[in-house]
Amino acid sequence: MLEKELKDIWNNSSQTAQISIETNLLIEELNTRINGMQKKIRKRDIREIAASIFGILIFGFLLYEIPFPITKVACGLAILWFVFVIQKFKKSKTQNIKTDFSLPLTEQLNHQKRMIAQQANLLDTALYWYAIPPFIMNFIFILGLENPVDYNWTNSIAESILPLTSNLKTITIIGLALFYAFTFWVNKRALNKDVNPMIKSIETMQKQIK
């Protein structure tokens, strides 16, 4: 009887040790994946903020230079949208905090899950704040373009870039619609391929250590 109990204890302790080793390996792999994702997020946030600052400068110039009233309104809306985007990604930067590995494992996982969930929400709602608003703004901008002669306006550079004819306006609007549809698809793909699986991995880990 004693021999059987000793065998059971040995077998159970071996299984526990094996589970502990597997859990540690999974945690290490998860941390590596999350660190890699956080680096990508930091680069994206910096890139988007820089692009938005550049956008403010461009539309600020167009607001000053272009005489068409409706287009001026669109330029103002664009500037406001870029300011909103900057605030959005600055908030993302503050939320993207590295995990403190001195904390208990459960708190580490909770922190990682909150951080990834915030990024998931950012991607999941991109259609409503990152795609539709700029498309509407650009649509108004293009719709408001009029004949420069009527305003006695001459700017060779602007006239060579702006879609002033009906055909060019139509082509540009279709192109913008396709571009923002692609932008929406890219964000959804990142959400489903990278972010949601990461959240599921964290939840699996949380169940294993309970």
C-alpha atoms as a PDB file:
ATOM      1  CA  MET A   1       0.000   0.000   0.000  1.00  0.00           C
ATOM      2  CA  LEU A   2       2.812   2.363   0.921  1.00  0.00           C
ATOM      3  CA  GLU A   3       4.598   1.604  -2.343  1.00  0.00           C
ATOM      4  CA  LYS A   4       1.462   2.416  -4.355  1.00  0.00           C
ATOM      5  CA  GLU A   5       0.975   5.719  -2.525  1.00  0.00           C
ATOM      6  CA  LEU A   6       4.591   6.661  -3.157  1.00  0.00           C
ATOM      7  CA  LYS A   7       4.159   5.920  -6.868  1.00  0.00           C
ATOM      8  CA  ASP A   8       1.024   8.063  -6.983  1.00  0.00           C
ATOM      9  CA  ILE A   9       2.805  10.920  -5.264  1.00  0.00           C
ATOM     10  CA  TRP A  10       5.729  10.610  -7.683  1.00  0.00           C
ATOM     11  CA  ASN A  11       3.463  10.510 -10.714  1.00  0.00           C
ATOM     12  CA  ASN A  12       1.440  13.508  -9.527  1.00  0.00           C
ATOM     13  CA  SER A  13       4.561  15.508  -8.725  1.00  0.00           C
ATOM     14  CA  SER A  14       6.013  14.698 -12.160  1.00  0.00           C
ATOM     15  CA  GLN A  15       2.812  15.844 -13.854  1.00  0.00           C
ATOM     16  CA  THR A  16       2.778  19.036 -11.779  1.00  0.00           C
ATOM     17  CA  ALA A  17       6.390  19.763 -12.689  1.00  0.00           C
ATOM     18  CA  GLN A  18       5.627  19.135 -16.361  1.00  0.00           C
ATOM     19  CA  ILE A  19       2.623  21.473 -16.242  1.00  0.00           C
ATOM     20  CA  SER A  20       4.771  24.102 -14.522  1.00  0.00           C
ATOM     21  CA  ILE A  21       7.453  23.833 -17.220  1.00  0.00           C
ATOM     22  CA  GLU A  22       4.880  24.037 -20.022  1.00  0.00           C
ATOM     23  CA  THR A  23       3.209  27.031 -18.372  1.00  0.00           C
ATOM     24  CA  ASN A  24       6.527  28.853 -18.035  1.00  0.00           C
ATOM     25  CA  LEU A  25       7.318  28.214 -21.689  1.00  0.00           C
ATOM     26  CA  LEU A  26       3.891  29.479 -22.740  1.00  0.00           C
ATOM     27  CA  ILE A  27       4.319  32.603 -20.592  1.00  0.00           C
ATOM     28  CA  GLU A  28       7.728  33.278 -22.126  1.00  0.00           C
ATOM     29  CA  GLU A  29       6.334  32.850 -25.641  1.00  0.00           C
ATOM     30  CA  LEU A  30       3.338  35.065 -24.830  1.00  0.00           C
ATOM     31  CA  ASN A  31       5.564  37.829 -23.429  1.00  0.00           C
ATOM     32  CA  THR A  32       7.737  37.703 -26.542  1.00  0.00           C
ATOM     33  CA  ARG A  33       4.677  38.062 -28.779  1.00  0.00           C
ATOM     34  CA  ILE A  34       3.255  40.910 -26.709  1.00  0.00           C
ATOM     35  CA  ASN A  35       6.590  42.768 -26.654  1.00  0.00           C
ATOM     36  CA  GLY A  36       6.757  42.454 -30.434  1.00  0.00           C
ATOM     37  CA  MET A  37       3.217  43.776 -30.770  1.00  0.00           C
ATOM     38  CA  GLN A  38       3.945  46.682 -28.442  1.00  0.00           C
ATOM     39  CA  LYS A  39       6.939  47.711 -30.576  1.00  0.00           C
ATOM     40  CA  LYS A  40       4.705  47.711 -33.667  1.00  0.00           C
ATOM     41  CA  ILE A  41       2.087  49.764 -31.810  1.00  0.00           C
ATOM     42  CA  ARG A  42       4.673  52.351 -30.737  1.00  0.00           C
ATOM     43  CA  LYS A  43       5.955  52.705 -34.297  1.00  0.00           C
ATOM     44  CA  ARG A  44       2.397  53.001 -35.626  1.00  0.00           C
ATOM     45  CA  ASP A  45       1.454  55.654 -33.066  1.00  0.00           C
ATOM     46  CA  ILE A  46       4.517  57.772 -33.909  1.00  0.00           C
ATOM     47  CA  ARG A  47       3.883  57.357 -37.644  1.00  0.00           C
ATOM     48  CA  GLU A  48       0.210  58.307 -37.397  1.00  0.00           C
ATOM     49  CA  ILE A  49       0.901  61.345 -35.206  1.00  0.00           C
ATOM     50  CA  ALA A  50       3.617  62.554 -37.592  1.00  0.00           C
ATOM     51  CA  ALA A  51       1.315  62.022 -40.601  1.00  0.00           C
ATOM     52  CA  SER A  52      -1.472  63.938 -38.858  1.00  0.00           C
ATOM     53  CA  ILE A  53       0.813  66.893 -38.119  1.00  0.00           C
ATOM     54  CA  PHE A  54       1.811  66.927 -41.783  1.00  0.00           C
ATOM     55  CA  GLY A  55      -1.882  66.755 -42.731  1.00  0.00           C
ATOM     56  CA  ILE A  56      -2.665  69.762 -40.545  1.00  0.00           C
ATOM     57  CA  LEU A  57       0.055  71.769 -42.301  1.00  0.00           C
ATOM     58  CA  ILE A  58      -1.199  70.774 -45.771  1.00  0.00           C
ATOM     59  CA  PHE A  59      -4.860  71.508 -45.092  1.00  0.00           C
ATOM     60  CA  GLY A  60      -3.944  74.673 -43.218  1.00  0.00           C
ATOM     61  CA  PHE A  61      -2.229  75.899 -46.380  1.00  0.00           C
ATOM     62  CA  LEU A  62      -5.189  74.839 -48.530  1.00  0.00           C
ATOM     63  CA  LEU A  63      -7.588  76.588 -46.143  1.00  0.00           C
ATOM     64  CA  TYR A  64      -5.601  79.784 -46.611  1.00  0.00           C
ATOM     65  CA  GLU A  65      -4.989  79.420 -50.343  1.00  0.00           C
ATOM     66  CA  ILE A  66      -8.198  77.982 -51.857  1.00  0.00           C
ATOM     67  CA  PRO A  67     -11.037  80.525 -52.297  1.00  0.00           C
ATOM     68  CA  PHE A  68     -13.966  78.077 -52.640  1.00  0.00           C
ATOM     69  CA  PRO A  69     -16.236  78.342 -49.526  1.00  0.00           C
ATOM     70  CA  ILE A  70     -17.336  74.697 -49.286  1.00  0.00           C
ATOM     71  CA  THR A  71     -13.780  73.477 -49.776  1.00  0.00           C
ATOM     72  CA  LYS A  72     -12.625  75.844 -47.031  1.00  0.00           C
ATOM     73  CA  VAL A  73     -15.151  74.231 -44.684  1.00  0.00           C
ATOM     74  CA  ALA A  74     -13.807  70.804 -45.618  1.00  0.00           C
ATOM     75  CA  CYS A  75     -10.250  71.977 -44.875  1.00  0.00           C
ATOM     76  CA  GLY A  76     -11.367  73.142 -41.439  1.00  0.00           C
ATOM     77  CA  LEU A  77     -13.037  69.785 -40.799  1.00  0.00           C
ATOM     78  CA  ALA A  78      -9.876  68.003 -41.926  1.00  0.00           C
ATOM     79  CA  ILE A  79      -7.745  69.965 -39.472  1.00  0.00           C
ATOM     80  CA  LEU A  80     -10.151  69.130 -36.636  1.00  0.00           C
ATOM     81  CA  TRP A  81     -10.090  65.460 -37.628  1.00  0.00           C
ATOM     82  CA  PHE A  82      -6.279  65.374 -37.658  1.00  0.00           C
ATOM     83  CA  VAL A  83      -6.237  66.924 -34.168  1.00  0.00           C
ATOM     84  CA  PHE A  84      -8.678  64.204 -33.051  1.00  0.00           C
ATOM     85  CA  VAL A  85      -6.451  61.506 -34.570  1.00  0.00           C
ATOM     86  CA  ILE A  86      -3.390  62.893 -32.782  1.00  0.00           C
ATOM     87  CA  GLN A  87      -5.237  62.748 -29.457  1.00  0.00           C
ATOM     88  CA  LYS A  88      -6.415  59.214 -30.241  1.00  0.00           C
ATOM     89  CA  PHE A  89      -2.910  57.906 -30.866  1.00  0.00           C
ATOM     90  CA  LYS A  90      -1.387  59.881 -27.993  1.00  0.00           C
ATOM     91  CA  LYS A  91      -3.864  58.091 -25.744  1.00  0.00           C
ATOM     92  CA  SER A  92      -2.815  54.807 -27.350  1.00  0.00           C
ATOM     93  CA  LYS A  93       0.828  55.625 -26.514  1.00  0.00           C
ATOM     94  CA  THR A  94       0.003  56.217 -22.860  1.00  0.00           C
ATOM     95  CA  GLN A  95      -1.938  52.947 -22.685  1.00  0.00           C
ATOM     96  CA  ASN A  96       0.841  50.955 -24.342  1.00  0.00           C
ATOM     97  CA  ILE A  97       2.868  50.470 -21.139  1.00  0.00           C
ATOM     98  CA  LYS A  98       5.394  47.671 -20.793  1.00  0.00           C
ATOM     99  CA  THR A  99       4.492  44.894 -18.408  1.00  0.00           C
ATOM    100  CA  ASP A 100       6.079  45.067 -14.965  1.00  0.00           C
ATOM    101  CA  PHE A 101       7.491  41.556 -14.564  1.00  0.00           C
ATOM    102  CA  SER A 102       8.009  42.092 -10.828  1.00  0.00           C
ATOM    103  CA  LEU A 103       4.238  41.902 -10.380  1.00  0.00           C
ATOM    104  CA  PRO A 104       2.448  38.597  -9.685  1.00  0.00           C
ATOM    105  CA  LEU A 105       1.685  36.623 -12.823  1.00  0.00           C
ATOM    106  CA  THR A 106      -2.076  37.164 -12.539  1.00  0.00           C
ATOM    107  CA  GLU A 107      -1.582  40.951 -12.466  1.00  0.00           C
ATOM    108  CA  GLN A 108       0.821  40.785 -15.412  1.00  0.00           C
ATOM    109  CA  LEU A 109      -1.771  38.920 -17.457  1.00  0.00           C
ATOM    110  CA  ASN A 110      -4.549  41.306 -16.419  1.00  0.00           C
ATOM    111  CA  HIS A 111      -2.420  44.279 -17.487  1.00  0.00           C
ATOM    112  CA  GLN A 112      -1.563  42.666 -20.818  1.00  0.00           C
ATOM    113  CA  LYS A 113      -5.194  41.788 -21.466  1.00  0.00           C
ATOM    114  CA  ARG A 114      -6.352  45.362 -20.756  1.00  0.00           C
ATOM    115  CA  MET A 115      -3.666  46.793 -23.014  1.00  0.00           C
ATOM    116  CA  ILE A 116      -4.458  44.419 -25.895  1.00  0.00           C
ATOM    117  CA  ALA A 117      -8.218  44.926 -25.423  1.00  0.00           C
ATOM    118  CA  GLN A 118      -7.736  48.692 -25.797  1.00  0.00           C
ATOM    119  CA  GLN A 119      -5.916  48.126 -29.080  1.00  0.00           C
ATOM    120  CA  ALA A 120      -8.647  45.730 -30.190  1.00  0.00           C
ATOM    121  CA  ASN A 121     -11.253  48.433 -29.579  1.00  0.00           C
ATOM    122  CA  LEU A 122      -9.143  50.932 -31.541  1.00  0.00           C
ATOM    123  CA  LEU A 123      -9.041  48.598 -34.550  1.00  0.00           C
ATOM    124  CA  ASP A 124     -12.625  47.419 -34.237  1.00  0.00           C
ATOM    125  CA  THR A 125     -14.008  50.980 -34.341  1.00  0.00           C
ATOM    126  CA  ALA A 126     -11.613  52.230 -37.043  1.00  0.00           C
ATOM    127  CA  LEU A 127     -14.446  52.361 -39.587  1.00  0.00           C
ATOM    128  CA  TYR A 128     -16.240  55.043 -37.559  1.00  0.00           C
ATOM    129  CA  TRP A 129     -13.299  57.309 -36.674  1.00  0.00           C
ATOM    130  CA  TYR A 130     -10.516  56.467 -39.146  1.00  0.00           C
ATOM    131  CA  ALA A 131     -12.289  55.712 -42.440  1.00  0.00           C
ATOM    132  CA  ILE A 132     -15.732  57.307 -42.701  1.00  0.00           C
ATOM    133  CA  PRO A 133     -14.885  60.813 -41.321  1.00  0.00           C
ATOM    134  CA  PRO A 134     -11.935  61.492 -43.665  1.00  0.00           C
ATOM    135  CA  PHE A 135     -13.876  60.088 -46.622  1.00  0.00           C
ATOM    136  CA  ILE A 136     -16.775  62.476 -45.910  1.00  0.00           C
ATOM    137  CA  MET A 137     -14.342  65.343 -45.435  1.00  0.00           C
ATOM    138  CA  ASN A 138     -12.599  64.570 -48.728  1.00  0.00           C
ATOM    139  CA  PHE A 139     -15.951  64.183 -50.465  1.00  0.00           C
ATOM    140  CA  ILE A 140     -16.999  67.659 -49.301  1.00  0.00           C
ATOM    141  CA  PHE A 141     -13.597  69.025 -50.278  1.00  0.00           C
ATOM    142  CA  ILE A 142     -13.873  67.686 -53.823  1.00  0.00           C
ATOM    143  CA  LEU A 143     -17.550  68.610 -54.156  1.00  0.00           C
ATOM    144  CA  GLY A 144     -16.727  72.193 -53.187  1.00  0.00           C
ATOM    145  CA  LEU A 145     -14.102  72.696 -55.883  1.00  0.00           C
ATOM    146  CA  GLU A 146     -15.316  75.283 -58.382  1.00  0.00           C
ATOM    147  CA  ASN A 147     -14.012  77.083 -61.441  1.00  0.00           C
ATOM    148  CA  PRO A 148     -10.936  79.140 -60.423  1.00  0.00           C
ATOM    149  CA  VAL A 149     -11.797  81.780 -63.029  1.00  0.00           C
ATOM    150  CA  ASP A 150     -15.015  82.637 -61.181  1.00  0.00           C
ATOM    151  CA  TYR A 151     -12.917  83.637 -58.174  1.00  0.00           C
ATOM    152  CA  ASN A 152     -10.081  85.176 -60.141  1.00  0.00           C
ATOM    153  CA  TRP A 153      -7.791  82.614 -58.535  1.00  0.00           C
ATOM    154  CA  THR A 154      -4.595  81.370 -60.097  1.00  0.00           C
ATOM    155  CA  ASN A 155      -2.274  78.833 -58.561  1.00  0.00           C
ATOM    156  CA  SER A 156      -0.549  76.603 -61.079  1.00  0.00           C
ATOM    157  CA  ILE A 157       0.555  74.008 -58.524  1.00  0.00           C
ATOM    158  CA  ALA A 158      -2.868  73.675 -56.882  1.00  0.00           C
ATOM    159  CA  GLU A 159      -4.659  73.625 -60.224  1.00  0.00           C
ATOM    160  CA  SER A 160      -2.395  70.840 -61.476  1.00  0.00           C
ATOM    161  CA  ILE A 161      -3.133  68.698 -58.401  1.00  0.00           C
ATOM    162  CA  LEU A 162      -6.787  69.402 -57.647  1.00  0.00           C
ATOM    163  CA  PRO A 163      -9.541  67.476 -59.497  1.00  0.00           C
ATOM    164  CA  LEU A 164     -11.385  70.469 -60.929  1.00  0.00           C
ATOM    165  CA  THR A 165     -13.321  68.712 -63.722  1.00  0.00           C
ATOM    166  CA  SER A 166     -16.363  66.482 -63.209  1.00  0.00           C
ATOM    167  CA  ASN A 167     -14.581  63.392 -64.553  1.00  0.00           C
ATOM    168  CA  LEU A 168     -11.577  63.882 -62.283  1.00  0.00           C
ATOM    169  CA  LYS A 169     -13.862  64.470 -59.303  1.00  0.00           C
ATOM    170  CA  THR A 170     -15.707  61.195 -59.969  1.00  0.00           C
ATOM    171  CA  ILE A 171     -12.507  59.217 -60.417  1.00  0.00           C
ATOM    172  CA  THR A 172     -10.972  60.723 -57.275  1.00  0.00           C
ATOM    173  CA  ILE A 173     -14.038  60.003 -55.140  1.00  0.00           C
ATOM    174  CA  ILE A 174     -14.151  56.376 -56.343  1.00  0.00           C
ATOM    175  CA  GLY A 175     -10.432  56.037 -55.642  1.00  0.00           C
ATOM    176  CA  LEU A 176     -10.880  57.438 -52.142  1.00  0.00           C
ATOM    177  CA  ALA A 177     -13.791  55.085 -51.458  1.00  0.00           C
ATOM    178  CA  LEU A 178     -11.638  52.103 -52.455  1.00  0.00           C
ATOM    179  CA  PHE A 179      -8.717  53.383 -50.380  1.00  0.00           C
ATOM    180  CA  TYR A 180     -10.764  53.784 -47.209  1.00  0.00           C
ATOM    181  CA  ALA A 181     -12.474  50.441 -47.777  1.00  0.00           C
ATOM    182  CA  PHE A 182      -8.980  48.907 -47.974  1.00  0.00           C
ATOM    183  CA  THR A 183      -8.005  50.767 -44.796  1.00  0.00           C
ATOM    184  CA  PHE A 184     -11.022  49.285 -43.025  1.00  0.00           C
ATOM    185  CA  TRP A 185     -10.108  45.803 -44.281  1.00  0.00           C
ATOM    186  CA  VAL A 186      -6.496  46.132 -43.099  1.00  0.00           C
ATOM    187  CA  ASN A 187      -7.623  47.101 -39.598  1.00  0.00           C
ATOM    188  CA  LYS A 188     -10.145  44.255 -39.424  1.00  0.00           C
ATOM    189  CA  ARG A 189      -7.508  41.802 -40.649  1.00  0.00           C
ATOM    190  CA  ALA A 190      -5.052  42.938 -37.981  1.00  0.00           C
ATOM    191  CA  LEU A 191      -7.790  42.604 -35.362  1.00  0.00           C
ATOM    192  CA  ASN A 192      -8.767  39.067 -36.365  1.00  0.00           C
ATOM    193  CA  LYS A 193      -5.288  37.773 -37.239  1.00  0.00           C
ATOM    194  CA  ASP A 194      -3.140  39.266 -34.480  1.00  0.00           C
ATOM    195  CA  VAL A 195      -5.019  40.995 -31.681  1.00  0.00           C
ATOM    196  CA  ASN A 196      -7.989  38.716 -30.947  1.00  0.00           C
ATOM    197  CA  PRO A 197      -5.819  35.546 -30.928  1.00  0.00           C
ATOM    198  CA  MET A 198      -3.502  37.315 -28.461  1.00  0.00           C
ATOM    199  CA  ILE A 199      -6.432  38.020 -26.138  1.00  0.00           C
ATOM    200  CA  LYS A 200      -7.510  34.367 -26.379  1.00  0.00           C
ATOM    201  CA  SER A 201      -3.963  33.250 -25.510  1.00  0.00           C
ATOM    202  CA  ILE A 202      -3.977  35.460 -22.417  1.00  0.00           C
ATOM    203  CA  GLU A 203      -7.391  34.138 -21.365  1.00  0.00           C
ATOM    204  CA  THR A 204      -6.160  30.552 -21.831  1.00  0.00           C
ATOM    205  CA  MET A 205      -3.140  31.318 -19.682  1.00  0.00           C
ATOM    206  CA  GLN A 206      -5.350  32.867 -16.993  1.00  0.00           C
ATOM    207  CA  LYS A 207      -7.448  29.687 -16.869  1.00  0.00           C
ATOM    208  CA  GLN A 208      -4.345  27.478 -16.612  1.00  0.00           C
ATOM    209  CA  ILE A 209      -2.883  29.269 -13.604  1.00  0.00           C
ATOM    210  CA  LYS A 210      -6.139  29.351 -11.641  1.00  0.00           C
END
